[in-house]
């Protein structure tokens, strides 16, 4: 192998292996990204912990309804007065139970059950919001990548035009001003390409942060076609959202909890019954001369105690007032949630209709801009148009390409926003799997 062959080998070797990372990049669909987000998102983890804590509160409330079993023991031994004072050893077991006569403990258990349901709704709300954020970032990346493709095509067209102007200048068909203008436009296009490249990197970094992707990656566009023909009326969106949104369900559950809490606090005006049943054995011994005396006693007992609080310094009254205020607050929160969701439904519906209409109109605009550029380019070739006409036509084409790109991804995202507004976004991604 000669020197040239060796050099060629190393060139090919380096080219192959510098491209390996690109081929090794993982490609993610939107569904896969949502799964990663569901695993790694801190907000979702916090909501899951809140749900777990609520479940343990239920266990605590349930334990109050079960009698407590305990054992006890005591021993007394006297050294200085052993002849007249007995030594005693007492051992026993007992069951104790206390409860309010109006069922306060059952109310507490019911509150914990409803709290668990509320935390589940809260978890779903947070999960849905996070998935929408991931979806927005996903489409931002696709849009940025499309912007980069447009910028690259723009550079290619303007480079071709600059070269054509140079050729015409050499034969005197254009002026240096035309060349300067062409080079200036090419320079601007190169700058836009750099901006587009940075836009892709920035949006990919944002997504990497959301779903905790360490390596570089690519995105799959397979989900787009599944939502292109989405149809829904404003009335359907609003009525469905008011029934299905987890925020509404959570607010209703919190209002129910607040009402139960008022009953819970009022139960302090009822007496409390404490019951105790047990068994104990006592060994008694006297130290006498010439012999000791010992005997055992066994007792099976049952006691009951009824406690009624006559005065507590206004504590119960304050607790009830506080509970009633929380009930009013919960009712107001529910009303605000309903208003917000009705407004969200209207906004998402109008955004969707606007995006759909814009997309349809821009398709014709893009077609016209492309045909106009082709015609002007041909006219310039044969001296029927000047350089400014080419660059104006190119600007119209780039603008149309960017606008329709924005419209496409705005439309796709508007569908997901409607699903989010209706409370169906999580289910939508589950169905994608």
Protein backbone atom coordinates (compact mmCIF):
# COMPACT_ATOMS: atom_id res chain seq x y z
CA UNK A 1 0.00 0.00 0.00
CA UNK A 2 1.53 3.29 -1.10
CA UNK A 3 1.42 6.61 0.77
CA UNK A 4 -1.57 7.96 -1.18
CA UNK A 5 -3.60 4.82 -0.51
CA UNK A 6 -2.84 5.03 3.20
CA UNK A 7 -3.93 8.66 3.34
CA UNK A 8 -7.11 7.84 1.43
CA UNK A 9 -7.84 4.98 3.85
CA UNK A 10 -7.58 7.27 6.87
CA UNK A 11 -9.76 9.91 5.24
CA UNK A 12 -12.53 7.39 4.52
CA UNK A 13 -12.11 5.88 8.02
CA UNK A 14 -12.49 9.26 9.68
CA UNK A 15 -15.50 10.21 7.56
CA UNK A 16 -17.30 6.98 8.43
CA UNK A 17 -16.73 7.19 12.16
CA UNK A 18 -17.53 10.87 12.44
CA UNK A 19 -20.96 10.04 11.07
CA UNK A 20 -21.66 7.17 13.49
CA UNK A 21 -23.11 9.36 16.28
CA UNK A 22 -25.71 10.74 13.89
CA UNK A 23 -26.80 7.25 12.95
CA UNK A 24 -26.81 6.17 16.59
CA UNK A 25 -29.16 8.94 17.71
CA UNK A 26 -32.42 7.75 19.23
CA UNK A 27 -35.56 8.85 17.41
CA UNK A 28 -38.55 9.63 19.64
CA UNK A 29 -42.20 9.89 18.78
CA UNK A 30 -44.41 12.31 20.67
CA UNK A 31 -45.98 9.36 22.51
CA UNK A 32 -42.56 8.12 23.66
CA UNK A 33 -41.67 11.59 24.88
CA UNK A 34 -44.85 11.78 26.93
CA UNK A 35 -43.97 8.44 28.53
CA UNK A 36 -40.54 9.75 29.50
CA UNK A 37 -42.12 12.89 30.90
CA UNK A 38 -44.54 10.80 32.96
CA UNK A 39 -41.58 8.97 34.50
CA UNK A 40 -39.17 11.82 35.12
CA UNK A 41 -41.27 14.96 35.71
CA UNK A 42 -40.77 16.30 39.25
CA UNK A 43 -44.25 17.85 39.35
CA UNK A 44 -45.82 14.48 38.60
CA UNK A 45 -43.65 12.78 41.25
CA UNK A 46 -44.73 15.38 43.84
CA UNK A 47 -48.40 14.80 42.97
CA UNK A 48 -47.87 11.04 43.30
CA UNK A 49 -46.34 11.58 46.75
CA UNK A 50 -49.33 13.72 47.74
CA UNK A 51 -51.62 10.87 46.71
CA UNK A 52 -49.57 8.39 48.75
CA UNK A 53 -49.73 10.68 51.81
CA UNK A 54 -53.51 10.92 51.44
CA UNK A 55 -53.76 7.13 51.32
CA UNK A 56 -51.85 6.90 54.59
CA UNK A 57 -54.23 9.42 56.14
CA UNK A 58 -57.04 7.04 55.29
CA UNK A 59 -55.20 4.25 57.10
CA UNK A 60 -54.84 6.49 60.16
CA UNK A 61 -58.53 7.41 60.10
CA UNK A 62 -59.48 3.74 59.78
CA UNK A 63 -57.31 2.77 62.74
CA UNK A 64 -59.39 5.02 65.03
CA UNK A 65 -62.41 2.81 64.37
CA UNK A 66 -60.61 -0.31 65.56
CA UNK A 67 -60.26 -0.97 69.33
CA UNK A 68 -56.75 -0.55 70.67
CA UNK A 69 -55.27 -3.60 72.37
CA UNK A 70 -52.56 -3.01 74.99
CA UNK A 71 -50.83 -4.91 77.76
CA UNK A 72 -49.77 -3.53 81.11
CA UNK A 73 -47.81 -4.58 84.14
CA UNK A 74 -46.55 -3.21 87.43
CA UNK A 75 -44.50 -4.41 90.39
CA UNK A 76 -44.12 -3.07 93.92
CA UNK A 77 -41.56 -4.32 96.43
CA UNK A 78 -40.92 -2.84 99.89
CA UNK A 79 -37.75 -3.58 101.86
CA UNK A 80 -38.22 -1.45 104.98
CA UNK A 81 -41.77 -2.54 105.73
CA UNK A 82 -41.92 -6.02 104.29
CA UNK A 83 -44.02 -7.53 107.05
CA UNK A 84 -47.01 -5.15 106.85
CA UNK A 85 -46.85 -3.93 103.23
CA UNK A 86 -47.28 -6.58 100.53
CA UNK A 87 -45.20 -6.95 97.41
CA UNK A 88 -47.46 -6.93 94.36
CA UNK A 89 -47.05 -7.95 90.71
CA UNK A 90 -49.85 -7.01 88.32
CA UNK A 91 -50.12 -8.16 84.69
CA UNK A 92 -52.97 -7.68 82.26
CA UNK A 93 -54.38 -6.88 78.82
CA UNK A 94 -57.10 -4.44 77.81
CA UNK A 95 -59.13 -3.17 74.85
CA UNK A 96 -60.00 0.52 74.64
CA UNK A 97 -62.25 2.41 72.24
CA UNK A 98 -63.46 6.02 72.14
CA UNK A 99 -65.96 7.51 69.72
CA UNK A 100 -68.23 10.47 69.34
CA UNK A 101 -71.94 9.77 69.58
CA UNK A 102 -72.63 11.49 66.24
CA UNK A 103 -70.08 9.43 64.28
CA UNK A 104 -67.20 11.92 64.11
CA UNK A 105 -64.74 9.15 63.33
CA UNK A 106 -66.81 7.95 60.37
CA UNK A 107 -66.93 11.50 59.03
CA UNK A 108 -63.13 11.71 59.28
CA UNK A 109 -62.79 8.45 57.37
CA UNK A 110 -65.13 9.70 54.65
CA UNK A 111 -63.11 12.91 54.38
CA UNK A 112 -59.88 10.97 53.86
CA UNK A 113 -61.51 8.85 51.14
CA UNK A 114 -62.65 11.96 49.30
CA UNK A 115 -59.22 13.51 49.78
CA UNK A 116 -57.65 10.50 48.04
CA UNK A 117 -60.03 10.94 45.12
CA UNK A 118 -59.18 14.64 44.99
CA UNK A 119 -55.45 13.90 44.93
CA UNK A 120 -55.99 11.47 42.06
CA UNK A 121 -57.74 14.23 40.11
CA UNK A 122 -54.94 16.63 40.98
CA UNK A 123 -52.37 14.11 39.73
CA UNK A 124 -54.21 13.75 36.43
CA UNK A 125 -54.44 17.53 36.06
CA UNK A 126 -50.71 17.96 36.60
CA UNK A 127 -49.95 15.05 34.26
CA UNK A 128 -52.18 16.52 31.53
CA UNK A 129 -50.64 19.98 31.89
CA UNK A 130 -47.14 18.55 31.68
CA UNK A 131 -47.96 16.47 28.62
CA UNK A 132 -49.30 19.58 26.90
CA UNK A 133 -46.03 21.36 27.71
CA UNK A 134 -44.07 18.47 26.21
CA UNK A 135 -46.30 18.55 23.13
CA UNK A 136 -45.76 22.28 22.69
CA UNK A 137 -42.01 21.85 22.89
CA UNK A 138 -42.17 18.90 20.49
CA UNK A 139 -43.96 21.00 17.88
CA UNK A 140 -41.63 23.93 18.54
CA UNK A 141 -38.73 21.68 17.56
CA UNK A 142 -40.48 20.47 14.41
CA UNK A 143 -41.26 24.07 13.51
CA UNK A 144 -37.66 25.12 14.17
CA UNK A 145 -36.40 22.27 12.02
CA UNK A 146 -38.74 23.34 9.24
CA UNK A 147 -37.44 26.90 9.58
CA UNK A 148 -33.92 25.52 9.19
CA UNK A 149 -34.92 23.64 6.03
CA UNK A 150 -36.45 26.85 4.64
CA UNK A 151 -33.30 28.79 5.52
CA UNK A 152 -31.08 26.19 3.86
CA UNK A 153 -33.19 26.33 0.68
CA UNK A 154 -33.06 30.11 0.82
CA UNK A 155 -29.26 30.05 1.01
CA UNK A 156 -29.13 27.63 -1.89
CA UNK A 157 -31.39 29.80 -4.10
CA UNK A 158 -29.57 33.02 -3.26
CA UNK A 159 -26.19 31.37 -3.84
CA UNK A 160 -27.39 30.27 -7.26
CA UNK A 161 -28.66 33.78 -7.92
CA UNK A 162 -25.42 35.40 -6.75
CA UNK A 163 -23.45 33.13 -9.11
CA UNK A 164 -25.84 33.98 -11.96
CA UNK A 165 -25.35 37.71 -11.30
CA UNK A 166 -21.56 37.25 -11.33
CA UNK A 167 -21.85 35.52 -14.70
CA UNK A 168 -24.03 38.29 -16.12
CA UNK A 169 -21.67 40.91 -14.71
CA UNK A 170 -18.76 39.35 -16.55
CA UNK A 171 -20.56 39.96 -19.87
CA UNK A 172 -21.89 43.37 -18.86
CA UNK A 173 -25.57 42.50 -18.58
CA UNK A 174 -25.83 43.72 -14.94
CA UNK A 175 -24.08 46.27 -12.76
CA UNK A 176 -21.91 45.87 -9.66
CA UNK A 177 -24.81 47.23 -7.65
CA UNK A 178 -26.78 44.14 -8.61
CA UNK A 179 -23.93 41.94 -7.39
CA UNK A 180 -23.63 43.88 -4.12
CA UNK A 181 -27.37 43.50 -3.54
CA UNK A 182 -27.23 39.76 -4.30
CA UNK A 183 -24.29 39.25 -1.92
CA UNK A 184 -26.03 41.28 0.79
CA UNK A 185 -29.15 39.15 0.47
CA UNK A 186 -27.04 35.99 0.60
CA UNK A 187 -25.30 37.25 3.73
CA UNK A 188 -28.68 37.94 5.34
CA UNK A 189 -29.82 34.44 4.41
CA UNK A 190 -26.71 32.89 5.94
CA UNK A 191 -27.43 34.78 9.15
CA UNK A 192 -31.02 33.50 9.17
CA UNK A 193 -29.71 29.97 8.73
CA UNK A 194 -27.49 30.35 11.80
CA UNK A 195 -30.48 31.67 13.77
CA UNK A 196 -32.54 28.69 12.60
CA UNK A 197 -29.80 26.26 13.66
CA UNK A 198 -29.66 27.88 17.10
CA UNK A 199 -33.45 27.75 17.32
CA UNK A 200 -33.36 24.00 16.79
CA UNK A 201 -30.67 23.57 19.45
CA UNK A 202 -32.50 25.76 21.97
CA UNK A 203 -35.82 23.97 21.57
CA UNK A 204 -34.17 20.55 21.69
CA UNK A 205 -32.42 21.60 24.90
CA UNK A 206 -35.78 22.66 26.37
CA UNK A 207 -37.29 19.26 25.53
CA UNK A 208 -34.24 17.46 26.88
CA UNK A 209 -34.76 19.28 30.17
CA UNK A 210 -38.46 18.40 30.28
CA UNK A 211 -38.09 14.66 29.70
CA UNK A 212 -34.51 14.22 30.95
CA UNK A 213 -32.91 12.94 27.75
CA UNK A 214 -29.13 12.79 28.11
CA UNK A 215 -28.06 11.94 24.58
CA UNK A 216 -28.73 13.79 21.36
CA UNK A 217 -31.88 12.68 19.59
CA UNK A 218 -34.16 13.01 16.60
CA UNK A 219 -37.92 13.38 16.42
CA UNK A 220 -40.45 11.34 14.56
CA UNK A 221 -43.32 13.10 12.81
CA UNK A 222 -45.67 10.13 12.76
CA UNK A 223 -48.31 11.57 15.10
CA UNK A 224 -49.20 14.50 12.92
CA UNK A 225 -51.48 12.79 10.43
CA UNK A 226 -53.60 11.30 13.22
CA UNK A 227 -55.11 14.64 14.19
CA UNK A 228 -55.45 16.41 10.86
CA UNK A 229 -59.22 15.89 10.51
CA UNK A 230 -60.32 16.81 14.01
CA UNK A 231 -63.86 18.20 14.28
CA UNK A 232 -65.75 19.49 17.32
CA UNK A 233 -68.23 22.29 18.09
CA UNK A 234 -67.79 24.90 20.82
CA UNK A 235 -70.87 23.66 22.69
CA UNK A 236 -69.57 20.09 22.69
CA UNK A 237 -66.16 21.19 23.95
CA UNK A 238 -67.63 23.29 26.77
CA UNK A 239 -70.20 20.77 27.98
CA UNK A 240 -67.75 17.88 27.82
CA UNK A 241 -65.01 19.86 29.58
CA UNK A 242 -67.32 20.84 32.46
CA UNK A 243 -68.04 17.15 33.05
CA UNK A 244 -64.65 15.65 32.33
CA UNK A 245 -61.92 18.10 33.37
CA UNK A 246 -60.12 16.82 36.45
CA UNK A 247 -59.86 20.38 37.79
CA UNK A 248 -63.67 20.48 38.01
CA UNK A 249 -63.79 17.03 39.60
CA UNK A 250 -61.12 18.02 42.12
CA UNK A 251 -62.89 21.30 42.96
CA UNK A 252 -66.19 19.43 43.49
CA UNK A 253 -64.44 16.91 45.70
CA UNK A 254 -62.81 19.70 47.73
CA UNK A 255 -66.22 21.33 48.21
CA UNK A 256 -67.62 18.01 49.41
CA UNK A 257 -64.68 17.68 51.80
CA UNK A 258 -65.30 21.20 53.10
CA UNK A 259 -68.96 20.38 53.81
CA UNK A 260 -67.96 17.19 55.62
CA UNK A 261 -65.39 19.14 57.62
CA UNK A 262 -68.13 21.47 58.90
CA UNK A 263 -70.00 18.41 60.17
CA UNK A 264 -66.77 17.09 61.64
CA UNK A 265 -66.13 20.26 63.63
CA UNK A 266 -69.74 20.45 64.84
CA UNK A 267 -69.40 16.92 66.23
CA UNK A 268 -67.26 18.32 69.07
CA UNK A 269 -70.52 19.51 70.65
CA UNK A 270 -71.52 15.87 71.06
CA UNK A 271 -70.30 13.78 74.01
CA UNK A 272 -67.57 11.19 73.62
CA UNK A 273 -68.01 7.66 74.89
CA UNK A 274 -64.92 5.79 76.03
CA UNK A 275 -65.07 2.05 76.62
CA UNK A 276 -62.50 -0.24 78.19
CA UNK A 277 -62.52 -4.00 78.76
CA UNK A 278 -59.66 -5.98 80.22
CA UNK A 279 -58.25 -8.80 82.25
CA UNK A 280 -55.62 -8.52 84.99
CA UNK A 281 -53.92 -10.86 87.41
CA UNK A 282 -52.31 -9.67 90.63
CA UNK A 283 -49.82 -11.63 92.78
CA UNK A 284 -49.65 -10.45 96.43
CA UNK A 285 -47.04 -11.62 98.97
CA UNK A 286 -46.26 -10.78 102.65
CA UNK A 287 -42.96 -11.53 104.29
CA UNK A 288 -43.62 -13.12 107.71
CA UNK A 289 -41.66 -15.20 110.13
CA UNK A 290 -41.51 -18.13 110.19
CA UNK A 291 -43.19 -18.31 106.73
CA UNK A 292 -44.31 -16.07 103.89
CA UNK A 293 -47.94 -15.56 102.83
CA UNK A 294 -48.90 -15.36 99.11
CA UNK A 295 -52.19 -15.20 97.18
CA UNK A 296 -53.35 -14.33 93.62
CA UNK A 297 -56.34 -12.36 92.33
CA UNK A 298 -57.85 -12.38 88.85
CA UNK A 299 -60.18 -9.69 87.49
CA UNK A 300 -62.22 -9.35 84.29
CA UNK A 301 -63.55 -5.81 84.06
CA UNK A 302 -65.49 -3.43 81.81
CA UNK A 303 -65.74 0.36 82.18
CA UNK A 304 -67.50 3.12 80.27
CA UNK A 305 -67.06 6.86 80.44
CA UNK A 306 -69.19 9.57 78.85
CA UNK A 307 -67.40 12.90 78.46
CA UNK A 308 -69.22 16.13 77.59
CA UNK A 309 -67.26 19.36 77.16
CA UNK A 310 -69.10 22.20 78.87
CA UNK A 311 -66.72 25.05 78.01
CA UNK A 312 -63.58 25.21 75.85
CA UNK A 313 -62.85 28.94 75.67
CA UNK A 314 -64.54 29.33 72.26
CA UNK A 315 -62.34 26.76 70.48
CA UNK A 316 -65.21 24.77 68.96
CA UNK A 317 -67.00 27.92 67.80
CA UNK A 318 -63.84 29.20 66.08
CA UNK A 319 -63.20 25.83 64.42
CA UNK A 320 -66.72 25.72 63.01
CA UNK A 321 -66.48 29.28 61.68
CA UNK A 322 -63.19 28.39 60.03
CA UNK A 323 -64.71 25.28 58.44
CA UNK A 324 -67.68 27.27 57.12
CA UNK A 325 -65.29 29.85 55.62
CA UNK A 326 -63.35 27.04 53.91
CA UNK A 327 -66.63 25.72 52.52
CA UNK A 328 -67.42 29.15 51.00
CA UNK A 329 -63.91 29.30 49.59
CA UNK A 330 -64.25 25.84 48.02
CA UNK A 331 -67.57 26.85 46.42
CA UNK A 332 -65.99 30.00 44.98
CA UNK A 333 -63.04 28.00 43.64
CA UNK A 334 -65.46 25.65 41.88
CA UNK A 335 -67.30 28.56 40.28
CA UNK A 336 -64.02 30.12 39.14
CA UNK A 337 -62.86 26.80 37.70
CA UNK A 338 -66.06 26.50 35.68
CA UNK A 339 -65.68 30.04 34.33
CA UNK A 340 -62.02 29.44 33.47
CA UNK A 341 -62.76 26.19 31.65
CA UNK A 342 -65.63 27.76 29.68
CA UNK A 343 -63.22 30.51 28.62
CA UNK A 344 -60.46 28.00 27.83
CA UNK A 345 -62.89 26.05 25.68
CA UNK A 346 -63.86 29.16 23.73
CA UNK A 347 -60.24 30.23 23.23
CA UNK A 348 -59.07 26.77 22.16
CA UNK A 349 -62.01 26.42 19.77
CA UNK A 350 -61.40 29.82 18.15
CA UNK A 351 -57.65 29.18 17.96
CA UNK A 352 -58.37 25.89 16.21
CA UNK A 353 -60.80 27.44 13.74
CA UNK A 354 -58.37 30.26 13.01
CA UNK A 355 -55.48 27.83 12.51
CA UNK A 356 -57.57 25.64 10.21
CA UNK A 357 -58.73 28.59 8.10
CA UNK A 358 -55.23 30.07 7.96
CA UNK A 359 -53.74 26.78 6.89
CA UNK A 360 -56.20 26.41 4.01
CA UNK A 361 -55.61 29.96 2.79
CA UNK A 362 -51.83 29.77 3.01
CA UNK A 363 -51.66 26.67 0.86
CA UNK A 364 -52.78 28.76 -2.10
CA UNK A 365 -50.42 31.55 -1.08
CA UNK A 366 -47.44 29.18 -1.02
CA UNK A 367 -48.34 27.74 -4.39
CA UNK A 368 -48.59 31.23 -5.90
CA UNK A 369 -45.31 32.36 -4.30
CA UNK A 370 -43.48 29.30 -5.64
CA UNK A 371 -44.88 29.77 -9.15
CA UNK A 372 -44.05 33.49 -9.04
CA UNK A 373 -40.45 32.80 -8.06
CA UNK A 374 -40.03 30.23 -10.82
CA UNK A 375 -41.44 32.66 -13.39
CA UNK A 376 -39.26 35.58 -12.26
CA UNK A 377 -36.21 33.34 -12.17
CA UNK A 378 -36.86 32.31 -15.77
CA UNK A 379 -37.41 35.95 -16.77
CA UNK A 380 -34.14 36.95 -15.14
CA UNK A 381 -32.34 34.23 -17.05
CA UNK A 382 -33.48 35.73 -20.33
CA UNK A 383 -33.04 39.36 -19.29
CA UNK A 384 -36.72 40.11 -18.80
CA UNK A 385 -36.40 40.76 -15.02
CA UNK A 386 -33.69 42.31 -12.88
CA UNK A 387 -31.97 41.15 -9.69
CA UNK A 388 -34.33 43.08 -7.42
CA UNK A 389 -37.29 41.21 -8.91
CA UNK A 390 -35.61 37.88 -8.08
CA UNK A 391 -34.93 38.86 -4.48
CA UNK A 392 -38.41 40.25 -3.99
CA UNK A 393 -39.90 37.01 -5.35
CA UNK A 394 -37.58 35.03 -3.08
CA UNK A 395 -38.65 37.06 -0.06
CA UNK A 396 -42.30 36.37 -0.87
CA UNK A 397 -41.51 32.65 -1.17
CA UNK A 398 -39.61 32.46 2.12
CA UNK A 399 -42.35 34.39 3.90
CA UNK A 400 -45.03 32.06 2.51
CA UNK A 401 -43.02 28.97 3.50
CA UNK A 402 -42.54 30.22 7.04
CA UNK A 403 -46.17 31.25 7.41
CA UNK A 404 -47.53 27.90 6.28
CA UNK A 405 -45.03 26.11 8.51
CA UNK A 406 -46.24 28.17 11.48
CA UNK A 407 -49.84 27.50 10.48
CA UNK A 408 -49.33 23.74 10.23
CA UNK A 409 -47.82 23.32 13.66
CA UNK A 410 -50.19 25.85 15.17
CA UNK A 411 -53.04 23.74 13.80
CA UNK A 412 -51.63 20.47 15.14
CA UNK A 413 -51.07 22.03 18.54
CA UNK A 414 -54.55 23.58 18.56
CA UNK A 415 -56.03 20.08 18.34
CA UNK A 416 -54.01 18.95 21.35
CA UNK A 417 -55.11 22.09 23.22
CA UNK A 418 -58.75 21.18 22.58
CA UNK A 419 -58.09 17.67 23.89
CA UNK A 420 -56.42 19.24 26.93
CA UNK A 421 -59.37 21.58 27.45
CA UNK A 422 -61.79 18.65 27.28
CA UNK A 423 -59.66 16.64 29.71
CA UNK A 424 -58.88 13.95 27.11
CA UNK A 425 -55.18 14.60 26.52
CA UNK A 426 -53.87 11.84 28.82
CA UNK A 427 -56.31 9.34 27.32
CA UNK A 428 -55.30 10.41 23.81
CA UNK A 429 -51.66 9.54 24.46
CA UNK A 430 -52.64 6.29 26.16
CA UNK A 431 -54.50 5.33 22.99
CA UNK A 432 -51.39 6.17 20.95
CA UNK A 433 -49.53 3.43 22.78
